[in-house]
Amino acid sequence: MASRDQKKPAAPPAGPTDDVTGEDAEVRDWDWSVLPEGSETYRFAAPSGSLAMAAMGKPRNTRVVLVPGVTGSKEDFAIMMPDLAEAGFHVVSYDLAGQYESAGAGPENLVPPRRHYDYELFVGDFLAVLESGEGPAHVVGYSFAAIVAQIAYTRRPELFRSLTLLSCPPEPGQGFRGVNRFGRFSGWANGRVGAALMIWGIRRNFNKITPHRLTFVRHRFRFTRRQSVRDIYELMKRAPDLRQELAAATLPKFVAVGEHDLWPLELHERFAESIGARIAVYRGGHSPSETSPHEFARDLLALYAEAG
């Protein structure tokens, strides 16, 4: 791992880098639709509807809640989950409302019903998941879910033991403006156009993911509601600025990003510094949980050891 550590807090203690990087280098293409052995799946009644959940580890253990982003799912953390569970944590992940196996969850199920997926919907679901367990949890929010996690923290900080922002959009407001190549055109694209471009790029495999992974990613689009992707695209153009609140937070904060992420690395570094978080940079692109899962899990465990 190439890490760029801010002046404070200090970087995670060095671990067996050669071992975990070697494991990540040997990660093979496999059937991503199959969750790891020992995991359980179930449904959770959230405010927006029924969410698809996956869990590993003993329920009485401290929870780690892993939240995927737009067009993603709980399977995005499949390789990491055993590492965290074997270390003594209860690992929980779920598909966001409107995404993959949570496609039935949406604004029409809220009381009163609403027309669009909005921040309140996603934050409400997320807080309900956190409230369903005993005690605060370690939280990892991935991409769009990193914005949701920030909002949730400012509402209910007592539910968090630590906050990890994975491939988080690093700028508030029009979050796409800094994206490499595409950013300068993103302002004129509405939700329908933006979602279509996003899905087209994923289907065409511009990220050059492995064949079985691509098969699963395309399979998810058979279920994911296009409206949810359109609405999330619009939400990401109106990301709240919570840097001041996060900078004042005393819990452990961690920014994790791939060296070839959608946004330039200097924007991520600036964001991490602005909130007083450590930052680690991994090989690969927007998905360190898939391309550097063991290394990322190793660094999370170091963070959790500090948090106690």
Protein backbone atom coordinates (compact mmCIF):
# COMPACT_ATOMS: atom_id res chain seq x y z
CA MET A 1 0.00 0.00 0.00
CA ALA A 2 1.19 3.46 -0.79
CA SER A 3 0.03 5.63 2.09
CA ARG A 4 0.01 9.39 2.46
CA ASP A 5 -0.40 10.24 6.12
CA GLN A 6 -1.61 13.60 7.34
CA LYS A 7 0.13 15.27 10.27
CA LYS A 8 -2.64 14.18 12.56
CA PRO A 9 -3.88 11.73 13.42
CA ALA A 10 -0.94 9.37 12.91
CA ALA A 11 -1.03 6.61 10.35
CA PRO A 12 -2.18 3.09 11.30
CA PRO A 13 0.65 1.00 12.71
CA ALA A 14 2.54 -0.99 10.11
CA GLY A 15 1.27 -4.52 9.65
CA PRO A 16 2.37 -7.56 7.69
CA THR A 17 2.25 -5.63 4.41
CA ASP A 18 4.01 -8.30 2.36
CA ASP A 19 1.53 -10.95 3.50
CA VAL A 20 -1.64 -9.00 2.76
CA THR A 21 -0.42 -7.48 -0.49
CA GLY A 22 0.55 -10.96 -1.59
CA GLU A 23 -2.95 -12.21 -0.78
CA ASP A 24 -4.49 -9.35 -2.74
CA ALA A 25 -2.22 -10.05 -5.71
CA GLU A 26 -3.55 -13.63 -5.71
CA VAL A 27 -7.23 -12.65 -5.61
CA ARG A 28 -8.75 -14.53 -8.51
CA ASP A 29 -11.85 -13.95 -10.55
CA TRP A 30 -14.71 -15.80 -8.89
CA ASP A 31 -18.49 -15.88 -8.73
CA TRP A 32 -19.30 -12.56 -7.05
CA SER A 33 -22.97 -13.49 -6.67
CA VAL A 34 -21.99 -16.01 -3.96
CA LEU A 35 -21.37 -14.56 -0.52
CA PRO A 36 -18.56 -16.09 1.57
CA GLU A 37 -19.07 -19.33 3.44
CA GLY A 38 -20.36 -18.71 6.95
CA SER A 39 -22.34 -15.60 6.04
CA GLU A 40 -26.08 -15.31 6.50
CA THR A 41 -28.61 -13.32 4.52
CA TYR A 42 -31.85 -11.85 5.77
CA ARG A 43 -34.28 -8.98 5.27
CA PHE A 44 -34.44 -5.82 7.35
CA ALA A 45 -37.57 -3.69 7.66
CA ALA A 46 -36.27 -0.17 7.06
CA PRO A 47 -38.40 2.98 6.72
CA SER A 48 -38.19 2.81 2.91
CA GLY A 49 -38.98 -0.90 2.73
CA SER A 50 -37.28 -4.29 2.92
CA LEU A 51 -33.48 -4.19 2.64
CA ALA A 52 -31.31 -7.18 1.68
CA MET A 53 -28.71 -7.80 4.39
CA ALA A 54 -25.66 -10.01 4.78
CA ALA A 55 -23.78 -10.71 8.02
CA MET A 56 -20.80 -12.67 9.31
CA GLY A 57 -19.48 -13.22 12.81
CA LYS A 58 -21.10 -13.51 16.21
CA PRO A 59 -23.99 -11.07 16.75
CA ARG A 60 -22.80 -10.21 20.27
CA ASN A 61 -19.51 -8.85 18.90
CA THR A 62 -18.88 -5.21 18.02
CA ARG A 63 -20.44 -4.42 14.67
CA VAL A 64 -18.79 -3.25 11.49
CA VAL A 65 -21.39 -1.83 9.07
CA LEU A 66 -20.27 -1.75 5.42
CA VAL A 67 -22.49 0.32 3.12
CA PRO A 68 -22.06 0.09 -0.68
CA GLY A 69 -22.68 2.90 -3.14
CA VAL A 70 -24.88 3.53 -6.15
CA THR A 71 -25.14 0.56 -8.58
CA GLY A 72 -23.34 -1.51 -5.91
CA SER A 73 -24.38 -4.12 -3.38
CA LYS A 74 -23.30 -5.94 -0.23
CA GLU A 75 -21.28 -8.35 -2.39
CA ASP A 76 -18.75 -5.56 -3.00
CA PHE A 77 -17.35 -6.37 0.47
CA ALA A 78 -17.47 -10.15 0.12
CA ILE A 79 -13.69 -10.76 0.22
CA MET A 80 -13.21 -8.47 3.22
CA MET A 81 -16.00 -9.81 5.39
CA PRO A 82 -14.23 -13.01 6.56
CA ASP A 83 -11.10 -11.06 7.58
CA LEU A 84 -13.13 -8.76 9.80
CA ALA A 85 -15.34 -11.52 11.20
CA GLU A 86 -12.35 -13.74 12.03
CA ALA A 87 -10.84 -10.80 13.93
CA GLY A 88 -13.84 -10.84 16.28
CA PHE A 89 -16.34 -8.46 14.69
CA HIS A 90 -19.96 -8.84 13.64
CA VAL A 91 -19.87 -7.66 10.02
CA VAL A 92 -23.05 -6.36 8.43
CA SER A 93 -23.71 -5.03 4.94
CA TYR A 94 -26.83 -4.19 2.99
CA ASP A 95 -28.02 -3.11 -0.44
CA LEU A 96 -29.17 0.50 -0.50
CA ALA A 97 -32.84 1.16 -1.22
CA GLY A 98 -33.53 0.73 -4.92
CA GLN A 99 -30.31 -1.21 -5.52
CA TYR A 100 -30.06 -4.90 -6.47
CA GLU A 101 -31.92 -7.07 -3.91
CA SER A 102 -33.29 -3.99 -2.12
CA ALA A 103 -34.94 -2.80 -5.34
CA GLY A 104 -38.39 -2.89 -3.73
CA ALA A 105 -37.43 -0.29 -1.13
CA GLY A 106 -38.26 3.23 -2.22
CA PRO A 107 -39.88 6.59 -1.49
CA GLU A 108 -43.39 5.27 -2.13
CA ASN A 109 -43.08 3.18 1.07
CA LEU A 110 -42.33 6.14 3.34
CA VAL A 111 -44.95 7.70 5.59
CA PRO A 112 -46.09 9.90 4.00
CA PRO A 113 -45.03 8.63 0.58
CA ARG A 114 -42.59 10.71 -1.49
CA ARG A 115 -41.82 10.81 -5.21
CA HIS A 116 -38.04 10.63 -5.16
CA TYR A 117 -35.13 8.97 -3.41
CA ASP A 118 -33.52 11.69 -1.31
CA TYR A 119 -30.91 12.06 1.40
CA GLU A 120 -33.53 11.75 4.14
CA LEU A 121 -34.56 8.33 2.80
CA PHE A 122 -31.03 6.92 2.72
CA VAL A 123 -30.03 8.47 6.06
CA GLY A 124 -33.25 7.22 7.68
CA ASP A 125 -32.60 3.67 6.51
CA PHE A 126 -28.97 3.84 7.60
CA LEU A 127 -29.79 5.11 11.07
CA ALA A 128 -32.43 2.39 11.44
CA VAL A 129 -29.76 -0.24 10.66
CA LEU A 130 -27.40 1.26 13.24
CA GLU A 131 -30.15 1.53 15.86
CA SER A 132 -31.06 -2.13 15.39
CA GLY A 133 -27.83 -3.31 17.04
CA GLU A 134 -26.44 -2.99 20.52
CA GLY A 135 -24.01 -0.14 21.00
CA PRO A 136 -22.14 1.98 18.44
CA ALA A 137 -20.66 0.48 15.28
CA HIS A 138 -17.63 0.96 13.09
CA VAL A 139 -18.93 2.38 9.80
CA VAL A 140 -17.55 2.16 6.26
CA GLY A 141 -19.41 4.22 3.67
CA TYR A 142 -18.44 3.60 0.04
CA SER A 143 -18.71 6.38 -2.60
CA PHE A 144 -22.27 7.81 -2.44
CA ALA A 145 -22.81 5.97 0.86
CA ALA A 146 -19.83 7.91 2.27
CA ILE A 147 -21.92 11.08 1.88
CA VAL A 148 -24.85 9.34 3.59
CA ALA A 149 -22.57 8.19 6.43
CA GLN A 150 -21.34 11.74 6.99
CA ILE A 151 -24.88 13.06 7.30
CA ALA A 152 -25.86 10.18 9.59
CA TYR A 153 -22.88 10.90 11.84
CA THR A 154 -23.83 14.55 12.26
CA ARG A 155 -27.35 13.44 13.27
CA ARG A 156 -26.46 10.57 15.62
CA PRO A 157 -22.74 10.57 16.52
CA GLU A 158 -23.32 8.26 19.49
CA LEU A 159 -24.03 5.41 17.03
CA PHE A 160 -20.47 5.52 15.60
CA ARG A 161 -17.22 4.04 16.94
CA SER A 162 -15.25 5.11 13.86
CA LEU A 163 -15.96 6.52 10.42
CA THR A 164 -14.26 5.29 7.24
CA LEU A 165 -14.98 7.06 3.95
CA LEU A 166 -14.09 4.79 1.04
CA SER A 167 -13.70 6.43 -2.39
CA CYS A 168 -15.72 9.33 -1.04
CA PRO A 169 -16.58 12.24 -3.35
CA PRO A 170 -14.03 14.71 -1.97
CA GLU A 171 -15.80 18.00 -2.70
CA PRO A 172 -19.17 19.27 -1.47
CA GLY A 173 -21.80 20.74 -3.75
CA GLN A 174 -21.56 19.53 -7.34
CA GLY A 175 -19.59 16.44 -6.41
CA PHE A 176 -18.86 15.33 -9.97
CA ARG A 177 -17.09 18.54 -11.00
CA GLY A 178 -13.65 17.20 -10.05
CA VAL A 179 -13.99 13.80 -11.74
CA ASN A 180 -11.23 13.12 -14.24
CA ARG A 181 -12.28 13.81 -17.86
CA PHE A 182 -16.03 13.61 -17.19
CA GLY A 183 -16.25 16.28 -14.49
CA ARG A 184 -16.29 19.35 -16.71
CA PHE A 185 -19.35 18.02 -18.56
CA SER A 186 -21.26 16.77 -15.51
CA GLY A 187 -22.91 20.07 -14.63
CA TRP A 188 -25.26 20.06 -17.61
CA ALA A 189 -26.27 16.40 -17.26
CA ASN A 190 -29.56 15.87 -15.42
CA GLY A 191 -30.33 12.71 -13.47
CA ARG A 192 -31.64 10.82 -16.48
CA VAL A 193 -28.62 11.63 -18.66
CA GLY A 194 -26.11 11.20 -15.82
CA ALA A 195 -27.51 7.83 -14.79
CA ALA A 196 -27.55 6.63 -18.39
CA LEU A 197 -23.89 7.62 -18.86
CA MET A 198 -22.92 5.99 -15.56
CA ILE A 199 -24.64 2.71 -16.37
CA TRP A 200 -23.33 2.75 -19.96
CA GLY A 201 -19.76 3.16 -18.73
CA ILE A 202 -20.12 0.34 -16.22
CA ARG A 203 -21.68 -2.00 -18.77
CA ARG A 204 -18.92 -1.21 -21.27
CA ASN A 205 -16.37 -2.08 -18.58
CA PHE A 206 -14.34 1.11 -18.77
CA ASN A 207 -13.00 0.18 -15.32
CA LYS A 208 -11.62 -3.05 -16.81
CA ILE A 209 -12.90 -5.39 -14.11
CA THR A 210 -12.51 -9.17 -14.35
CA PRO A 211 -14.95 -11.26 -16.43
CA HIS A 212 -16.90 -12.88 -13.57
CA ARG A 213 -17.10 -9.55 -11.77
CA LEU A 214 -18.46 -7.90 -14.92
CA THR A 215 -21.05 -10.65 -15.32
CA PHE A 216 -22.30 -10.01 -11.79
CA VAL A 217 -22.27 -6.22 -12.19
CA ARG A 218 -24.37 -6.52 -15.34
CA HIS A 219 -26.66 -9.00 -13.59
CA ARG A 220 -27.40 -6.46 -10.83
CA PHE A 221 -28.77 -4.00 -13.37
CA ARG A 222 -31.65 -6.41 -14.05
CA PHE A 223 -32.94 -5.56 -10.57
CA THR A 224 -31.65 -2.09 -9.66
CA ARG A 225 -34.30 0.57 -10.20
CA ARG A 226 -33.21 3.14 -12.75
CA GLN A 227 -35.10 5.82 -10.82
CA SER A 228 -32.85 5.27 -7.80
CA VAL A 229 -29.72 5.77 -9.93
CA ARG A 230 -31.18 8.92 -11.52
CA ASP A 231 -32.11 10.38 -8.13
CA ILE A 232 -28.73 9.53 -6.58
CA TYR A 233 -26.94 11.20 -9.48
CA GLU A 234 -28.88 14.39 -8.71
CA LEU A 235 -28.13 14.04 -4.99
CA MET A 236 -24.41 13.79 -5.68
CA LYS A 237 -24.64 17.17 -7.41
CA ARG A 238 -25.90 18.58 -4.09
CA ALA A 239 -23.55 17.03 -1.55
CA PRO A 240 -23.67 18.85 1.81
CA ASP A 241 -20.54 20.48 3.20
CA LEU A 242 -19.94 18.76 6.55
CA ARG A 243 -16.18 19.28 6.76
CA GLN A 244 -16.38 21.57 9.78
CA GLU A 245 -18.52 19.11 11.75
CA LEU A 246 -16.27 16.18 10.83
CA ALA A 247 -13.13 18.12 11.71
CA ALA A 248 -14.54 18.67 15.20
CA ALA A 249 -15.36 14.97 15.64
CA THR A 250 -13.03 13.11 18.00
CA LEU A 251 -13.68 9.56 16.79
CA PRO A 252 -11.13 7.81 14.51
CA LYS A 253 -11.60 8.92 10.88
CA PHE A 254 -10.12 7.23 7.85
CA VAL A 255 -10.19 8.11 4.13
CA ALA A 256 -9.41 5.16 1.83
CA VAL A 257 -8.96 5.56 -1.92
CA GLY A 258 -7.47 3.87 -4.96
CA GLU A 259 -4.51 5.52 -6.68
CA HIS A 260 -6.51 5.70 -9.93
CA ASP A 261 -9.83 6.80 -8.44
CA LEU A 262 -12.44 8.79 -10.36
CA TRP A 263 -11.32 11.94 -8.56
CA PRO A 264 -7.68 13.15 -8.55
CA LEU A 265 -5.68 12.05 -5.54
CA GLU A 266 -4.89 15.62 -4.50
CA LEU A 267 -8.60 16.29 -3.94
CA HIS A 268 -8.84 13.28 -1.62
CA GLU A 269 -5.74 14.41 0.26
CA ARG A 270 -7.16 17.89 0.68
CA PHE A 271 -10.46 16.47 1.93
CA ALA A 272 -8.77 14.15 4.43
CA GLU A 273 -6.68 17.00 5.79
CA SER A 274 -9.73 19.25 6.10
CA ILE A 275 -11.53 16.76 8.38
CA GLY A 276 -8.46 15.60 10.33
CA ALA A 277 -8.53 12.05 8.93
CA ARG A 278 -5.70 9.72 8.04
CA ILE A 279 -5.60 8.67 4.40
CA ALA A 280 -4.37 5.51 2.70
CA VAL A 281 -3.94 5.03 -1.03
CA TYR A 282 -4.28 1.54 -2.53
CA ARG A 283 -3.44 0.06 -5.89
CA GLY A 284 -6.27 0.14 -8.37
CA GLY A 285 -9.21 2.44 -8.99
CA HIS A 286 -12.53 3.26 -7.34
CA SER A 287 -12.99 -0.10 -5.58
CA PRO A 288 -10.25 -0.93 -3.03
CA SER A 289 -12.70 -3.25 -1.26
CA GLU A 290 -12.53 -5.46 -4.36
CA THR A 291 -8.95 -4.96 -5.57
CA SER A 292 -7.10 -4.59 -2.23
CA PRO A 293 -9.56 -6.25 0.18
CA HIS A 294 -7.07 -7.86 2.57
CA GLU A 295 -4.88 -4.78 2.78
CA PHE A 296 -7.89 -2.55 3.36
CA ALA A 297 -9.23 -4.93 6.02
CA ARG A 298 -5.82 -4.95 7.71
CA ASP A 299 -5.87 -1.17 7.96
CA LEU A 300 -9.43 -1.15 9.25
CA LEU A 301 -8.46 -3.56 12.02
CA ALA A 302 -5.61 -1.26 13.02
CA LEU A 303 -8.08 1.63 13.17
CA TYR A 304 -10.54 -0.41 15.25
CA ALA A 305 -7.82 -1.43 17.69
CA GLU A 306 -7.16 2.25 18.31
CA ALA A 307 -10.86 3.02 18.75
CA GLY A 308 -11.23 0.28 21.37
